[in-house]
Amino acid sequence: MPEETDSIEEENEAFENEPILTFEEARVLGCLIEKETTTPDHYPLTLNSLHSACNQSSNRDPVVDFDIDVVEATLESLRLKKMAVLIRQAGARVPKYKHTIENKFSYLTDGQLAVVCVLLLRGQQTVGEIRTRTERLHPFADIEHTQFVLDQLAEFQPDPLVIHIPAGGGRRVATYNHLLCGDLAVSAPVSVAPQAQVAASPSWREDMEEEIASLKAEVLSLRTEMEELKNNLGV
């Protein structure tokens, strides 16, 4: 029965193309990855600590106001996807949680994981912003190294983890976003805080400073390429 076979194949294809993570799962997973490096003495995290990490106003875009029940339910869904695990430590009064993203992506380097983490937590960013924001997780030597890692993630097998978004549509420079929540990861969160429209991005001064830093890095990269070209040409 060809029609029935076609229907089954279409359903399988649709299932395979479903996003790996929901917005809530991306935020929780990103927090676990971040805190593993930035606060190792307090990792794995308790539910309360993870709840605070998800709702913190710094290094998050958008800022959200998850109920603790939402965080707990999201952890359970990540556990079912084998990307988080509950740990009961001897002597500990409460259980703790850690990410197990290596179960899904076992070959991510530290640099690649750092880039994925900041994209999970802050969404679409320029290469300069990504380099600046990964400093505490994995410092990159220069913007070229950051670009190299982004290119690796964009060509990741069997499926890309990052997408390159060319300049245009109001963007003066190219940006990048993760693909774990689907194409462009544009799904709108349900639990965004009431103040999220204001708090979703840093102040205008911070935005300007980040943009200037990004442009400076790109100018420096172009100057370096120009000097190398001159040397090669013997100019």
C-alpha atoms as a PDB file:
ATOM      1  CA  MET A   1       0.000   0.000   0.000  1.00  0.00           C
ATOM      2  CA  PRO A   2       2.119   2.935  -1.273  1.00  0.00           C
ATOM      3  CA  GLU A   3      -0.008   5.654   0.341  1.00  0.00           C
ATOM      4  CA  GLU A   4       0.336   4.106   3.809  1.00  0.00           C
ATOM      5  CA  THR A   5       4.114   3.660   3.326  1.00  0.00           C
ATOM      6  CA  ASP A   6       4.486   7.287   2.270  1.00  0.00           C
ATOM      7  CA  SER A   7       2.523   8.383   5.342  1.00  0.00           C
ATOM      8  CA  ILE A   8       4.782   6.398   7.701  1.00  0.00           C
ATOM      9  CA  GLU A   9       7.914   7.802   6.053  1.00  0.00           C
ATOM     10  CA  GLU A  10       6.594  11.348   6.373  1.00  0.00           C
ATOM     11  CA  GLU A  11       5.825  10.805  10.074  1.00  0.00           C
ATOM     12  CA  ASN A  12       9.305   9.400  10.689  1.00  0.00           C
ATOM     13  CA  GLU A  13      10.907  12.327   8.879  1.00  0.00           C
ATOM     14  CA  ALA A  14       8.858  14.823  10.885  1.00  0.00           C
ATOM     15  CA  PHE A  15       9.894  13.090  14.118  1.00  0.00           C
ATOM     16  CA  GLU A  16      13.565  13.183  13.140  1.00  0.00           C
ATOM     17  CA  ASN A  17      13.320  16.906  12.337  1.00  0.00           C
ATOM     18  CA  GLU A  18      11.773  17.839  15.668  1.00  0.00           C
ATOM     19  CA  PRO A  19      13.851  20.255  17.787  1.00  0.00           C
ATOM     20  CA  ILE A  20      16.124  18.526  20.275  1.00  0.00           C
ATOM     21  CA  LEU A  21      15.264  20.974  23.070  1.00  0.00           C
ATOM     22  CA  THR A  22      12.414  23.212  24.142  1.00  0.00           C
ATOM     23  CA  PHE A  23      13.209  26.768  25.219  1.00  0.00           C
ATOM     24  CA  GLU A  24      12.947  25.758  28.885  1.00  0.00           C
ATOM     25  CA  GLU A  25      15.256  22.772  28.359  1.00  0.00           C
ATOM     26  CA  ALA A  26      17.787  24.994  26.587  1.00  0.00           C
ATOM     27  CA  ARG A  27      17.837  27.415  29.522  1.00  0.00           C
ATOM     28  CA  VAL A  28      18.190  24.691  32.161  1.00  0.00           C
ATOM     29  CA  LEU A  29      20.850  22.810  30.200  1.00  0.00           C
ATOM     30  CA  GLY A  30      22.777  26.009  29.517  1.00  0.00           C
ATOM     31  CA  CYS A  31      22.766  26.876  33.227  1.00  0.00           C
ATOM     32  CA  LEU A  32      24.079  23.437  34.186  1.00  0.00           C
ATOM     33  CA  ILE A  33      26.888  23.686  31.648  1.00  0.00           C
ATOM     34  CA  GLU A  34      27.763  27.212  32.755  1.00  0.00           C
ATOM     35  CA  LYS A  35      27.794  26.538  36.491  1.00  0.00           C
ATOM     36  CA  GLU A  36      29.931  23.418  36.093  1.00  0.00           C
ATOM     37  CA  THR A  37      32.811  25.724  35.129  1.00  0.00           C
ATOM     38  CA  THR A  38      32.014  29.032  36.850  1.00  0.00           C
ATOM     39  CA  THR A  39      31.008  27.632  40.271  1.00  0.00           C
ATOM     40  CA  PRO A  40      32.638  24.184  40.460  1.00  0.00           C
ATOM     41  CA  ASP A  41      32.505  24.130  44.276  1.00  0.00           C
ATOM     42  CA  HIS A  42      28.697  24.230  44.142  1.00  0.00           C
ATOM     43  CA  TYR A  43      28.259  21.841  41.222  1.00  0.00           C
ATOM     44  CA  PRO A  44      26.220  19.638  40.754  1.00  0.00           C
ATOM     45  CA  LEU A  45      23.391  22.067  41.522  1.00  0.00           C
ATOM     46  CA  THR A  46      20.472  21.763  43.902  1.00  0.00           C
ATOM     47  CA  LEU A  47      17.035  22.454  42.469  1.00  0.00           C
ATOM     48  CA  ASN A  48      16.933  25.825  44.247  1.00  0.00           C
ATOM     49  CA  SER A  49      20.352  26.835  42.910  1.00  0.00           C
ATOM     50  CA  LEU A  50      19.378  25.848  39.393  1.00  0.00           C
ATOM     51  CA  HIS A  51      16.101  27.745  39.720  1.00  0.00           C
ATOM     52  CA  SER A  52      18.049  30.885  40.657  1.00  0.00           C
ATOM     53  CA  ALA A  53      20.498  30.353  37.794  1.00  0.00           C
ATOM     54  CA  CYS A  54      17.680  30.121  35.266  1.00  0.00           C
ATOM     55  CA  ASN A  55      16.077  33.354  36.488  1.00  0.00           C
ATOM     56  CA  GLN A  56      19.192  35.453  37.047  1.00  0.00           C
ATOM     57  CA  SER A  57      19.237  38.779  35.217  1.00  0.00           C
ATOM     58  CA  SER A  58      22.896  38.750  34.142  1.00  0.00           C
ATOM     59  CA  ASN A  59      24.194  36.742  31.190  1.00  0.00           C
ATOM     60  CA  ARG A  60      20.674  35.745  30.119  1.00  0.00           C
ATOM     61  CA  ASP A  61      18.608  36.767  27.122  1.00  0.00           C
ATOM     62  CA  PRO A  62      15.712  36.831  27.579  1.00  0.00           C
ATOM     63  CA  VAL A  63      15.430  37.153  31.340  1.00  0.00           C
ATOM     64  CA  VAL A  64      12.758  34.746  32.582  1.00  0.00           C
ATOM     65  CA  ASP A  65      10.722  34.063  35.696  1.00  0.00           C
ATOM     66  CA  PHE A  66      10.386  30.289  35.796  1.00  0.00           C
ATOM     67  CA  ASP A  67       8.420  28.722  38.634  1.00  0.00           C
ATOM     68  CA  ILE A  68      10.451  26.113  40.477  1.00  0.00           C
ATOM     69  CA  ASP A  69       7.911  23.524  39.275  1.00  0.00           C
ATOM     70  CA  VAL A  70       8.810  24.427  35.684  1.00  0.00           C
ATOM     71  CA  VAL A  71      12.506  23.864  36.384  1.00  0.00           C
ATOM     72  CA  GLU A  72      11.799  20.530  38.064  1.00  0.00           C
ATOM     73  CA  ALA A  73       9.594  19.345  35.189  1.00  0.00           C
ATOM     74  CA  THR A  74      12.216  20.478  32.686  1.00  0.00           C
ATOM     75  CA  LEU A  75      14.890  18.519  34.512  1.00  0.00           C
ATOM     76  CA  GLU A  76      12.730  15.428  34.271  1.00  0.00           C
ATOM     77  CA  SER A  77      12.321  15.892  30.522  1.00  0.00           C
ATOM     78  CA  LEU A  78      16.098  16.365  30.159  1.00  0.00           C
ATOM     79  CA  ARG A  79      16.626  13.182  32.157  1.00  0.00           C
ATOM     80  CA  LEU A  80      14.352  11.317  29.757  1.00  0.00           C
ATOM     81  CA  LYS A  81      16.460  12.684  26.903  1.00  0.00           C
ATOM     82  CA  LYS A  82      19.581  11.495  28.800  1.00  0.00           C
ATOM     83  CA  MET A  83      20.996  15.046  28.939  1.00  0.00           C
ATOM     84  CA  ALA A  84      20.737  15.523  32.715  1.00  0.00           C
ATOM     85  CA  VAL A  85      20.944  13.263  35.739  1.00  0.00           C
ATOM     86  CA  LEU A  86      19.905  13.400  39.404  1.00  0.00           C
ATOM     87  CA  ILE A  87      22.670  12.659  41.900  1.00  0.00           C
ATOM     88  CA  ARG A  88      22.258  11.682  45.524  1.00  0.00           C
ATOM     89  CA  GLN A  89      25.547  12.376  47.275  1.00  0.00           C
ATOM     90  CA  ALA A  90      26.446  10.736  50.570  1.00  0.00           C
ATOM     91  CA  GLY A  91      25.734  13.123  53.420  1.00  0.00           C
ATOM     92  CA  ALA A  92      23.890  15.597  51.228  1.00  0.00           C
ATOM     93  CA  ARG A  93      20.482  16.713  52.496  1.00  0.00           C
ATOM     94  CA  VAL A  94      18.997  17.280  49.041  1.00  0.00           C
ATOM     95  CA  PRO A  95      19.563  15.694  45.641  1.00  0.00           C
ATOM     96  CA  LYS A  96      21.559  17.566  43.023  1.00  0.00           C
ATOM     97  CA  TYR A  97      21.585  17.731  39.245  1.00  0.00           C
ATOM     98  CA  LYS A  98      24.257  17.742  36.570  1.00  0.00           C
ATOM     99  CA  HIS A  99      24.177  17.835  32.793  1.00  0.00           C
ATOM    100  CA  THR A 100      25.102  14.830  30.685  1.00  0.00           C
ATOM    101  CA  ILE A 101      25.195  16.518  27.285  1.00  0.00           C
ATOM    102  CA  GLU A 102      28.034  14.146  26.408  1.00  0.00           C
ATOM    103  CA  ASN A 103      25.424  11.397  26.073  1.00  0.00           C
ATOM    104  CA  LYS A 104      23.970  13.250  23.086  1.00  0.00           C
ATOM    105  CA  PHE A 105      27.130  14.919  21.750  1.00  0.00           C
ATOM    106  CA  SER A 106      30.095  12.881  22.906  1.00  0.00           C
ATOM    107  CA  TYR A 107      32.766  14.619  20.847  1.00  0.00           C
ATOM    108  CA  LEU A 108      32.323  18.268  21.821  1.00  0.00           C
ATOM    109  CA  THR A 109      35.593  19.979  22.769  1.00  0.00           C
ATOM    110  CA  ASP A 110      35.763  22.400  25.689  1.00  0.00           C
ATOM    111  CA  GLY A 111      35.719  25.318  23.275  1.00  0.00           C
ATOM    112  CA  GLN A 112      32.745  23.974  21.356  1.00  0.00           C
ATOM    113  CA  LEU A 113      30.836  23.326  24.576  1.00  0.00           C
ATOM    114  CA  ALA A 114      31.519  26.879  25.767  1.00  0.00           C
ATOM    115  CA  VAL A 115      30.131  28.337  22.535  1.00  0.00           C
ATOM    116  CA  VAL A 116      27.042  26.131  22.691  1.00  0.00           C
ATOM    117  CA  CYS A 117      26.528  27.186  26.310  1.00  0.00           C
ATOM    118  CA  VAL A 118      26.495  30.945  25.662  1.00  0.00           C
ATOM    119  CA  LEU A 119      24.221  30.469  22.661  1.00  0.00           C
ATOM    120  CA  LEU A 120      21.800  28.432  24.787  1.00  0.00           C
ATOM    121  CA  LEU A 121      21.770  31.187  27.412  1.00  0.00           C
ATOM    122  CA  ARG A 122      21.783  34.295  25.227  1.00  0.00           C
ATOM    123  CA  GLY A 123      20.674  33.291  21.747  1.00  0.00           C
ATOM    124  CA  GLN A 124      21.780  35.039  18.563  1.00  0.00           C
ATOM    125  CA  GLN A 125      25.179  36.774  18.875  1.00  0.00           C
ATOM    126  CA  THR A 126      28.105  38.074  16.842  1.00  0.00           C
ATOM    127  CA  VAL A 127      31.439  36.271  16.857  1.00  0.00           C
ATOM    128  CA  GLY A 128      32.907  39.119  18.939  1.00  0.00           C
ATOM    129  CA  GLU A 129      30.165  38.827  21.533  1.00  0.00           C
ATOM    130  CA  ILE A 130      30.598  35.062  21.687  1.00  0.00           C
ATOM    131  CA  ARG A 131      34.333  35.404  22.242  1.00  0.00           C
ATOM    132  CA  THR A 132      33.779  37.913  25.063  1.00  0.00           C
ATOM    133  CA  ARG A 133      31.028  35.918  26.749  1.00  0.00           C
ATOM    134  CA  THR A 134      32.891  32.600  26.694  1.00  0.00           C
ATOM    135  CA  GLU A 135      35.856  34.091  28.571  1.00  0.00           C
ATOM    136  CA  ARG A 136      34.941  32.493  31.926  1.00  0.00           C
ATOM    137  CA  LEU A 137      34.098  29.169  30.311  1.00  0.00           C
ATOM    138  CA  HIS A 138      36.891  28.740  27.786  1.00  0.00           C
ATOM    139  CA  PRO A 139      39.097  31.708  26.821  1.00  0.00           C
ATOM    140  CA  PHE A 140      39.827  31.865  23.099  1.00  0.00           C
ATOM    141  CA  ALA A 141      43.214  33.171  21.995  1.00  0.00           C
ATOM    142  CA  ASP A 142      41.690  35.460  19.384  1.00  0.00           C
ATOM    143  CA  ILE A 143      38.596  36.052  17.302  1.00  0.00           C
ATOM    144  CA  GLU A 144      39.926  33.790  14.543  1.00  0.00           C
ATOM    145  CA  HIS A 145      39.957  30.847  16.950  1.00  0.00           C
ATOM    146  CA  THR A 146      36.384  31.645  17.970  1.00  0.00           C
ATOM    147  CA  GLN A 147      35.394  31.767  14.315  1.00  0.00           C
ATOM    148  CA  PHE A 148      37.109  28.437  13.703  1.00  0.00           C
ATOM    149  CA  VAL A 149      35.083  26.763  16.469  1.00  0.00           C
ATOM    150  CA  LEU A 150      31.843  28.301  15.156  1.00  0.00           C
ATOM    151  CA  ASP A 151      32.641  26.918  11.700  1.00  0.00           C
ATOM    152  CA  GLN A 152      33.217  23.484  13.240  1.00  0.00           C
ATOM    153  CA  LEU A 153      29.822  23.604  14.953  1.00  0.00           C
ATOM    154  CA  ALA A 154      28.147  24.752  11.741  1.00  0.00           C
ATOM    155  CA  GLU A 155      29.574  21.657  10.019  1.00  0.00           C
ATOM    156  CA  PHE A 156      29.048  19.300  12.961  1.00  0.00           C
ATOM    157  CA  GLN A 157      28.075  15.734  12.049  1.00  0.00           C
ATOM    158  CA  PRO A 158      25.585  14.207  11.731  1.00  0.00           C
ATOM    159  CA  ASP A 159      23.739  17.530  12.068  1.00  0.00           C
ATOM    160  CA  PRO A 160      24.932  21.142  12.461  1.00  0.00           C
ATOM    161  CA  LEU A 161      24.616  22.623  15.948  1.00  0.00           C
ATOM    162  CA  VAL A 162      25.058  26.255  14.900  1.00  0.00           C
ATOM    163  CA  ILE A 163      23.786  28.381  12.042  1.00  0.00           C
ATOM    164  CA  HIS A 164      25.494  31.385  10.436  1.00  0.00           C
ATOM    165  CA  ILE A 165      23.127  34.322   9.903  1.00  0.00           C
ATOM    166  CA  PRO A 166      24.496  36.811   7.339  1.00  0.00           C
ATOM    167  CA  ALA A 167      24.356  40.549   7.906  1.00  0.00           C
ATOM    168  CA  GLY A 168      21.133  42.184   6.763  1.00  0.00           C
ATOM    169  CA  GLY A 169      17.612  42.750   7.965  1.00  0.00           C
ATOM    170  CA  GLY A 170      18.779  45.413  10.399  1.00  0.00           C
ATOM    171  CA  ARG A 171      21.955  43.525  11.386  1.00  0.00           C
ATOM    172  CA  ARG A 172      25.219  45.276  10.485  1.00  0.00           C
ATOM    173  CA  VAL A 173      27.357  42.176  11.037  1.00  0.00           C
ATOM    174  CA  ALA A 174      26.846  38.446  10.725  1.00  0.00           C
ATOM    175  CA  THR A 175      25.585  36.557  13.769  1.00  0.00           C
ATOM    176  CA  TYR A 176      25.292  32.959  14.959  1.00  0.00           C
ATOM    177  CA  ASN A 177      22.644  30.954  16.777  1.00  0.00           C
ATOM    178  CA  HIS A 178      22.304  27.379  18.004  1.00  0.00           C
ATOM    179  CA  LEU A 179      19.992  24.880  16.323  1.00  0.00           C
ATOM    180  CA  LEU A 180      19.051  22.767  19.324  1.00  0.00           C
ATOM    181  CA  CYS A 181      15.611  24.375  19.477  1.00  0.00           C
ATOM    182  CA  GLY A 182      15.059  24.143  15.735  1.00  0.00           C
ATOM    183  CA  ASP A 183      15.943  26.458  12.867  1.00  0.00           C
ATOM    184  CA  LEU A 184      17.198  29.782  14.243  1.00  0.00           C
ATOM    185  CA  ALA A 185      15.919  28.748  17.716  1.00  0.00           C
ATOM    186  CA  VAL A 186      13.155  31.346  17.493  1.00  0.00           C
ATOM    187  CA  SER A 187      10.533  29.584  19.610  1.00  0.00           C
ATOM    188  CA  ALA A 188       9.081  32.125  22.054  1.00  0.00           C
ATOM    189  CA  PRO A 189       9.285  31.167  25.739  1.00  0.00           C
ATOM    190  CA  VAL A 190       6.041  30.963  27.668  1.00  0.00           C
ATOM    191  CA  SER A 191       7.515  31.873  31.028  1.00  0.00           C
ATOM    192  CA  VAL A 192       9.314  35.104  30.165  1.00  0.00           C
ATOM    193  CA  ALA A 193       9.333  37.507  33.082  1.00  0.00           C
ATOM    194  CA  PRO A 194       7.002  40.517  32.885  1.00  0.00           C
ATOM    195  CA  GLN A 195      10.040  42.766  32.771  1.00  0.00           C
ATOM    196  CA  ALA A 196      11.727  40.644  30.087  1.00  0.00           C
ATOM    197  CA  GLN A 197      11.052  43.119  27.302  1.00  0.00           C
ATOM    198  CA  VAL A 198      13.209  45.611  29.158  1.00  0.00           C
ATOM    199  CA  ALA A 199      15.656  43.196  30.749  1.00  0.00           C
ATOM    200  CA  ALA A 200      16.099  40.830  27.809  1.00  0.00           C
ATOM    201  CA  SER A 201      19.285  42.596  26.723  1.00  0.00           C
ATOM    202  CA  PRO A 202      21.882  44.678  28.557  1.00  0.00           C
ATOM    203  CA  SER A 203      21.603  48.446  28.834  1.00  0.00           C
ATOM    204  CA  TRP A 204      22.220  50.584  25.775  1.00  0.00           C
ATOM    205  CA  ARG A 205      25.717  51.367  27.052  1.00  0.00           C
ATOM    206  CA  GLU A 206      26.582  47.684  27.401  1.00  0.00           C
ATOM    207  CA  ASP A 207      25.099  46.990  23.965  1.00  0.00           C
ATOM    208  CA  MET A 208      27.236  49.758  22.486  1.00  0.00           C
ATOM    209  CA  GLU A 209      30.383  48.570  24.268  1.00  0.00           C
ATOM    210  CA  GLU A 210      29.846  45.008  23.050  1.00  0.00           C
ATOM    211  CA  GLU A 211      29.224  46.216  19.497  1.00  0.00           C
ATOM    212  CA  ILE A 212      32.360  48.380  19.602  1.00  0.00           C
ATOM    213  CA  ALA A 213      34.397  45.457  20.962  1.00  0.00           C
ATOM    214  CA  SER A 214      33.075  43.238  18.195  1.00  0.00           C
ATOM    215  CA  LEU A 215      33.899  45.810  15.500  1.00  0.00           C
ATOM    216  CA  LYS A 216      37.370  46.410  16.960  1.00  0.00           C
ATOM    217  CA  ALA A 217      38.062  42.687  16.884  1.00  0.00           C
ATOM    218  CA  GLU A 218      36.960  42.459  13.263  1.00  0.00           C
ATOM    219  CA  VAL A 219      39.094  45.475  12.299  1.00  0.00           C
ATOM    220  CA  LEU A 220      42.087  43.888  14.043  1.00  0.00           C
ATOM    221  CA  SER A 221      41.456  40.663  12.157  1.00  0.00           C
ATOM    222  CA  LEU A 222      41.325  42.534   8.832  1.00  0.00           C
ATOM    223  CA  ARG A 223      44.544  44.396   9.667  1.00  0.00           C
ATOM    224  CA  THR A 224      46.283  41.122  10.460  1.00  0.00           C
ATOM    225  CA  GLU A 225      45.124  39.611   7.173  1.00  0.00           C
ATOM    226  CA  MET A 226      46.285  42.729   5.303  1.00  0.00           C
ATOM    227  CA  GLU A 227      49.756  42.564   6.904  1.00  0.00           C
ATOM    228  CA  GLU A 228      50.039  38.881   6.024  1.00  0.00           C
ATOM    229  CA  LEU A 229      49.002  39.639   2.451  1.00  0.00           C
ATOM    230  CA  LYS A 230      51.610  42.428   2.211  1.00  0.00           C
ATOM    231  CA  ASN A 231      54.307  40.105   3.542  1.00  0.00           C
ATOM    232  CA  ASN A 232      53.379  37.396   1.064  1.00  0.00           C
ATOM    233  CA  LEU A 233      53.472  39.892  -1.797  1.00  0.00           C
ATOM    234  CA  GLY A 234      56.737  41.408  -0.562  1.00  0.00           C
ATOM    235  CA  VAL A 235      55.210  44.869  -0.322  1.00  0.00           C
END
